[in-house]
Amino acid sequence: QVQLVESGGGLVQTGGSLTLSCAASGRTLGNDALGWFRQAPGKEREVVAAINWSGGNTYYTDSVKGRFIISRDNAKNTVYLQMNSLKPEDTAVYYCDLNIPGLRHYWGQGTQVTVSS
């Protein structure tokens, strides 16, 4: 059974940093993608960043380019999202996503990130 366990959310001031972690279990990760989505109140869930597990290719949505870094630790089956220069508009619930190509997505429980102005 696939499980995604997130940690690292919290409250931070504008310009601050946070690092989110997501540990995946229950599946041998191959050509899957692990990433982060976020959902702010009243808005749709949007992709933030993703990384291909085997090749390490990354994707960032435009609004976080240059500020966020996604990385992985193969030995720990863990993906990280380092968030720098945080802005109030980054406030959202952040969800870890495991995308198995052509099959399905798995989601974590979500972690709240709040950036105060």
N, C-alpha and C. Protein backbone atom coordinates (compact mmCIF):
# COMPACT_ATOMS: atom_id res chain seq x y z
N GLN A 1 0.85 -1.19 0.00
CA GLN A 1 0.00 0.00 0.00
C GLN A 1 0.88 1.24 0.00
N VAL A 2 0.65 2.12 -0.97
CA VAL A 2 1.45 3.33 -1.08
C VAL A 2 1.06 4.32 0.01
N GLN A 3 2.06 4.88 0.65
CA GLN A 3 1.83 5.93 1.63
C GLN A 3 2.79 7.07 1.39
N LEU A 4 2.30 8.29 1.55
CA LEU A 4 3.11 9.49 1.45
C LEU A 4 2.95 10.25 2.75
N VAL A 5 4.05 10.47 3.43
CA VAL A 5 4.00 11.16 4.73
C VAL A 5 4.77 12.46 4.61
N GLU A 6 4.06 13.55 4.80
CA GLU A 6 4.64 14.89 4.65
C GLU A 6 4.99 15.48 6.00
N SER A 7 5.95 16.39 5.97
CA SER A 7 6.29 17.15 7.16
C SER A 7 6.96 18.45 6.74
N GLY A 8 7.03 19.39 7.68
CA GLY A 8 7.80 20.60 7.44
C GLY A 8 7.01 21.87 7.25
N GLY A 9 5.70 21.80 7.23
CA GLY A 9 4.93 23.03 7.08
C GLY A 9 5.00 23.89 8.32
N GLY A 10 4.41 25.08 8.24
CA GLY A 10 4.40 25.95 9.39
C GLY A 10 4.13 27.39 9.02
N LEU A 11 4.42 28.26 9.99
CA LEU A 11 4.21 29.70 9.83
C LEU A 11 5.56 30.39 9.69
N VAL A 12 5.66 31.25 8.70
CA VAL A 12 6.92 31.95 8.46
C VAL A 12 6.60 33.35 7.98
N GLN A 13 7.52 34.27 8.20
CA GLN A 13 7.33 35.64 7.73
C GLN A 13 7.73 35.77 6.26
N THR A 14 7.23 36.80 5.63
CA THR A 14 7.60 37.08 4.25
C THR A 14 9.11 37.15 4.12
N GLY A 15 9.63 36.48 3.10
CA GLY A 15 11.06 36.44 2.88
C GLY A 15 11.75 35.27 3.55
N GLY A 16 11.02 34.56 4.38
CA GLY A 16 11.60 33.44 5.09
C GLY A 16 11.66 32.17 4.25
N SER A 17 12.11 31.10 4.90
CA SER A 17 12.28 29.82 4.21
C SER A 17 11.66 28.68 5.00
N LEU A 18 11.23 27.68 4.27
CA LEU A 18 10.75 26.43 4.86
C LEU A 18 11.15 25.29 3.94
N THR A 19 11.33 24.12 4.51
CA THR A 19 11.59 22.94 3.70
C THR A 19 10.57 21.87 4.02
N LEU A 20 9.87 21.42 2.99
CA LEU A 20 8.91 20.33 3.13
C LEU A 20 9.57 19.01 2.76
N SER A 21 9.14 17.96 3.44
CA SER A 21 9.63 16.61 3.15
C SER A 21 8.44 15.69 2.90
N CYS A 22 8.66 14.71 2.03
CA CYS A 22 7.63 13.72 1.75
C CYS A 22 8.31 12.36 1.60
N ALA A 23 8.01 11.46 2.50
CA ALA A 23 8.58 10.12 2.45
C ALA A 23 7.57 9.16 1.84
N ALA A 24 7.99 8.45 0.79
CA ALA A 24 7.12 7.51 0.10
C ALA A 24 7.46 6.09 0.51
N SER A 25 6.42 5.29 0.72
CA SER A 25 6.63 3.88 1.05
C SER A 25 5.59 3.04 0.33
N GLY A 26 5.86 1.73 0.24
CA GLY A 26 4.91 0.81 -0.36
C GLY A 26 5.06 0.63 -1.85
N ARG A 27 6.08 1.24 -2.43
CA ARG A 27 6.27 1.10 -3.87
C ARG A 27 7.74 1.33 -4.21
N THR A 28 8.26 0.53 -5.12
CA THR A 28 9.60 0.79 -5.64
C THR A 28 9.48 1.85 -6.72
N LEU A 29 10.09 2.99 -6.47
CA LEU A 29 9.97 4.11 -7.39
C LEU A 29 10.87 3.91 -8.59
N GLY A 30 10.28 3.96 -9.77
CA GLY A 30 11.06 3.82 -10.99
C GLY A 30 10.96 5.07 -11.81
N ASN A 31 10.22 5.01 -12.90
CA ASN A 31 10.04 6.19 -13.75
C ASN A 31 8.83 6.99 -13.30
N ASP A 32 8.66 7.06 -12.00
CA ASP A 32 7.55 7.83 -11.45
C ASP A 32 7.99 9.27 -11.24
N ALA A 33 7.04 10.10 -10.93
CA ALA A 33 7.34 11.49 -10.59
C ALA A 33 6.79 11.78 -9.21
N LEU A 34 7.61 12.40 -8.41
CA LEU A 34 7.16 12.88 -7.11
C LEU A 34 7.13 14.40 -7.17
N GLY A 35 6.12 14.98 -6.58
CA GLY A 35 6.05 16.43 -6.65
C GLY A 35 5.17 17.02 -5.58
N TRP A 36 4.96 18.29 -5.71
CA TRP A 36 4.18 19.05 -4.76
C TRP A 36 3.11 19.87 -5.49
N PHE A 37 1.92 19.79 -4.96
CA PHE A 37 0.82 20.64 -5.38
C PHE A 37 0.47 21.53 -4.19
N ARG A 38 -0.29 22.56 -4.44
CA ARG A 38 -0.80 23.38 -3.35
C ARG A 38 -2.20 23.86 -3.67
N GLN A 39 -2.94 24.12 -2.59
CA GLN A 39 -4.30 24.62 -2.75
C GLN A 39 -4.55 25.70 -1.71
N ALA A 40 -4.81 26.89 -2.21
CA ALA A 40 -5.15 28.02 -1.35
C ALA A 40 -6.67 28.09 -1.21
N PRO A 41 -7.16 28.72 -0.15
CA PRO A 41 -8.61 28.82 0.05
C PRO A 41 -9.31 29.45 -1.15
N GLY A 42 -10.34 28.77 -1.63
CA GLY A 42 -11.11 29.29 -2.74
C GLY A 42 -10.47 29.11 -4.10
N LYS A 43 -9.34 28.43 -4.15
CA LYS A 43 -8.64 28.24 -5.42
C LYS A 43 -8.49 26.76 -5.73
N GLU A 44 -8.23 26.47 -6.99
CA GLU A 44 -8.00 25.10 -7.40
C GLU A 44 -6.59 24.64 -7.00
N ARG A 45 -6.45 23.33 -6.87
CA ARG A 45 -5.14 22.77 -6.58
C ARG A 45 -4.25 22.98 -7.81
N GLU A 46 -3.02 23.40 -7.57
CA GLU A 46 -2.10 23.65 -8.68
C GLU A 46 -0.76 22.97 -8.42
N VAL A 47 -0.11 22.58 -9.49
CA VAL A 47 1.20 21.97 -9.35
C VAL A 47 2.22 23.05 -9.03
N VAL A 48 3.12 22.73 -8.14
CA VAL A 48 4.20 23.65 -7.75
C VAL A 48 5.52 23.21 -8.36
N ALA A 49 5.89 21.96 -8.13
CA ALA A 49 7.15 21.43 -8.63
C ALA A 49 7.06 19.92 -8.67
N ALA A 50 7.87 19.33 -9.53
CA ALA A 50 7.90 17.87 -9.63
C ALA A 50 9.28 17.43 -10.08
N ILE A 51 9.61 16.17 -9.75
CA ILE A 51 10.89 15.61 -10.13
C ILE A 51 10.69 14.17 -10.59
N ASN A 52 11.34 13.84 -11.70
CA ASN A 52 11.30 12.47 -12.18
C ASN A 52 12.26 11.63 -11.35
N TRP A 53 11.75 10.53 -10.80
CA TRP A 53 12.55 9.80 -9.83
C TRP A 53 13.80 9.18 -10.43
N SER A 54 13.70 8.65 -11.62
CA SER A 54 14.85 7.96 -12.21
C SER A 54 15.84 8.93 -12.82
N GLY A 55 15.35 9.89 -13.60
CA GLY A 55 16.27 10.78 -14.30
C GLY A 55 16.60 12.07 -13.59
N GLY A 56 15.76 12.44 -12.63
CA GLY A 56 16.02 13.66 -11.89
C GLY A 56 15.58 14.94 -12.59
N ASN A 57 14.90 14.82 -13.73
CA ASN A 57 14.39 16.03 -14.38
C ASN A 57 13.38 16.72 -13.49
N THR A 58 13.42 18.04 -13.52
CA THR A 58 12.54 18.80 -12.64
C THR A 58 11.61 19.72 -13.42
N TYR A 59 10.53 20.09 -12.78
CA TYR A 59 9.56 21.04 -13.32
C TYR A 59 9.17 21.99 -12.20
N TYR A 60 9.05 23.28 -12.56
CA TYR A 60 8.57 24.29 -11.61
C TYR A 60 7.51 25.15 -12.28
N THR A 61 6.48 25.48 -11.55
CA THR A 61 5.55 26.44 -12.06
C THR A 61 6.22 27.81 -12.05
N ASP A 62 5.81 28.69 -12.94
CA ASP A 62 6.52 29.95 -13.13
C ASP A 62 6.63 30.78 -11.85
N SER A 63 5.61 30.76 -11.04
CA SER A 63 5.58 31.65 -9.87
C SER A 63 6.60 31.27 -8.80
N VAL A 64 7.19 30.08 -8.88
CA VAL A 64 8.15 29.67 -7.85
C VAL A 64 9.56 29.50 -8.42
N LYS A 65 9.74 29.67 -9.71
CA LYS A 65 11.06 29.51 -10.31
C LYS A 65 12.03 30.50 -9.69
N GLY A 66 13.22 30.00 -9.35
CA GLY A 66 14.22 30.84 -8.73
C GLY A 66 14.08 30.96 -7.22
N ARG A 67 12.97 30.48 -6.68
CA ARG A 67 12.76 30.56 -5.22
C ARG A 67 12.67 29.18 -4.58
N PHE A 68 12.07 28.24 -5.27
CA PHE A 68 11.88 26.89 -4.71
C PHE A 68 12.83 25.91 -5.39
N ILE A 69 13.25 24.91 -4.63
CA ILE A 69 14.11 23.85 -5.17
C ILE A 69 13.54 22.50 -4.75
N ILE A 70 13.30 21.65 -5.73
CA ILE A 70 12.85 20.29 -5.43
C ILE A 70 14.03 19.34 -5.58
N SER A 71 14.14 18.40 -4.66
CA SER A 71 15.23 17.45 -4.71
C SER A 71 14.76 16.10 -4.16
N ARG A 72 15.59 15.09 -4.35
CA ARG A 72 15.19 13.76 -3.88
C ARG A 72 16.36 13.06 -3.23
N ASP A 73 16.04 12.14 -2.35
CA ASP A 73 17.03 11.27 -1.73
C ASP A 73 16.59 9.85 -2.05
N ASN A 74 17.26 9.23 -3.00
CA ASN A 74 16.85 7.91 -3.46
C ASN A 74 16.89 6.88 -2.34
N ALA A 75 17.90 6.97 -1.49
CA ALA A 75 18.05 5.97 -0.43
C ALA A 75 16.92 6.04 0.57
N LYS A 76 16.38 7.24 0.76
CA LYS A 76 15.31 7.42 1.75
C LYS A 76 13.93 7.46 1.11
N ASN A 77 13.86 7.35 -0.22
CA ASN A 77 12.57 7.48 -0.92
C ASN A 77 11.84 8.75 -0.49
N THR A 78 12.59 9.82 -0.42
CA THR A 78 12.05 11.07 0.09
C THR A 78 12.29 12.20 -0.91
N VAL A 79 11.29 13.03 -1.06
CA VAL A 79 11.41 14.22 -1.89
C VAL A 79 11.29 15.44 -0.99
N TYR A 80 12.05 16.48 -1.32
CA TYR A 80 12.09 17.70 -0.53
C TYR A 80 11.67 18.88 -1.39
N LEU A 81 11.09 19.87 -0.76
CA LEU A 81 10.81 21.13 -1.42
C LEU A 81 11.37 22.24 -0.54
N GLN A 82 12.48 22.80 -0.96
CA GLN A 82 13.07 23.93 -0.25
C GLN A 82 12.43 25.20 -0.79
N MET A 83 11.80 25.94 0.08
CA MET A 83 11.07 27.14 -0.32
C MET A 83 11.76 28.35 0.30
N ASN A 84 12.26 29.22 -0.56
CA ASN A 84 12.96 30.42 -0.14
C ASN A 84 12.20 31.67 -0.58
N SER A 85 12.53 32.78 0.02
CA SER A 85 11.91 34.06 -0.34
C SER A 85 10.39 33.93 -0.40
N LEU A 86 9.84 33.36 0.63
CA LEU A 86 8.41 33.08 0.64
C LEU A 86 7.58 34.36 0.65
N LYS A 87 6.44 34.28 -0.03
CA LYS A 87 5.54 35.42 -0.16
C LYS A 87 4.17 35.04 0.42
N PRO A 88 3.38 36.02 0.80
CA PRO A 88 2.03 35.69 1.31
C PRO A 88 1.22 34.85 0.32
N GLU A 89 1.42 35.07 -0.96
CA GLU A 89 0.66 34.31 -1.95
C GLU A 89 1.09 32.85 -2.04
N ASP A 90 2.14 32.48 -1.33
CA ASP A 90 2.53 31.07 -1.25
C ASP A 90 1.73 30.33 -0.18
N THR A 91 0.97 31.06 0.59
CA THR A 91 0.16 30.44 1.64
C THR A 91 -0.85 29.47 1.03
N ALA A 92 -0.82 28.24 1.52
CA ALA A 92 -1.68 27.19 0.98
C ALA A 92 -1.45 25.90 1.77
N VAL A 93 -2.29 24.92 1.50
CA VAL A 93 -2.00 23.56 1.94
C VAL A 93 -1.20 22.90 0.83
N TYR A 94 -0.07 22.36 1.19
CA TYR A 94 0.82 21.73 0.22
C TYR A 94 0.66 20.21 0.31
N TYR A 95 0.47 19.60 -0.85
CA TYR A 95 0.25 18.16 -0.94
C TYR A 95 1.37 17.50 -1.72
N CYS A 96 1.88 16.44 -1.17
CA CYS A 96 2.83 15.62 -1.90
C CYS A 96 2.06 14.74 -2.88
N ASP A 97 2.63 14.57 -4.06
CA ASP A 97 1.97 13.80 -5.11
C ASP A 97 2.93 12.77 -5.70
N LEU A 98 2.47 11.55 -5.78
CA LEU A 98 3.21 10.50 -6.49
C LEU A 98 2.43 10.19 -7.77
N ASN A 99 3.06 10.47 -8.89
CA ASN A 99 2.42 10.27 -10.18
C ASN A 99 3.02 9.05 -10.84
N ILE A 100 2.22 8.00 -10.97
CA ILE A 100 2.65 6.80 -11.68
C ILE A 100 2.15 6.94 -13.11
N PRO A 101 3.02 7.17 -14.07
CA PRO A 101 2.59 7.51 -15.43
C PRO A 101 1.61 6.51 -16.02
N GLY A 102 0.51 7.04 -16.51
CA GLY A 102 -0.50 6.21 -17.15
C GLY A 102 -1.36 5.42 -16.22
N LEU A 103 -1.17 5.59 -14.92
CA LEU A 103 -1.90 4.77 -13.96
C LEU A 103 -2.72 5.64 -13.01
N ARG A 104 -2.07 6.31 -12.05
CA ARG A 104 -2.83 7.09 -11.09
C ARG A 104 -1.91 7.99 -10.29
N HIS A 105 -2.54 8.85 -9.51
CA HIS A 105 -1.83 9.69 -8.56
C HIS A 105 -2.14 9.19 -7.15
N TYR A 106 -1.15 9.34 -6.30
CA TYR A 106 -1.35 9.16 -4.86
C TYR A 106 -1.05 10.50 -4.20
N TRP A 107 -1.79 10.80 -3.11
CA TRP A 107 -1.63 12.09 -2.45
C TRP A 107 -1.31 11.89 -0.97
N GLY A 108 -0.52 12.82 -0.45
CA GLY A 108 -0.31 12.88 0.97
C GLY A 108 -1.48 13.58 1.65
N GLN A 109 -1.38 13.71 2.95
CA GLN A 109 -2.48 14.28 3.73
C GLN A 109 -2.49 15.81 3.69
N GLY A 110 -1.41 16.40 3.25
CA GLY A 110 -1.32 17.86 3.17
C GLY A 110 -0.67 18.47 4.40
N THR A 111 0.05 19.55 4.17
CA THR A 111 0.68 20.28 5.26
C THR A 111 0.49 21.78 5.00
N GLN A 112 0.12 22.50 6.04
CA GLN A 112 -0.20 23.92 5.90
C GLN A 112 1.08 24.75 5.90
N VAL A 113 1.15 25.66 4.93
CA VAL A 113 2.21 26.66 4.89
C VAL A 113 1.53 28.02 4.93
N THR A 114 1.91 28.81 5.92
CA THR A 114 1.33 30.15 6.06
C THR A 114 2.46 31.17 6.08
N VAL A 115 2.37 32.15 5.19
CA VAL A 115 3.38 33.20 5.10
C VAL A 115 2.72 34.51 5.52
N SER A 116 3.21 35.07 6.60
CA SER A 116 2.63 36.30 7.11
C SER A 116 3.33 37.51 6.49
N SER A 117 2.54 38.56 6.29
CA SER A 117 3.10 39.78 5.67
C SER A 117 3.61 40.75 6.73
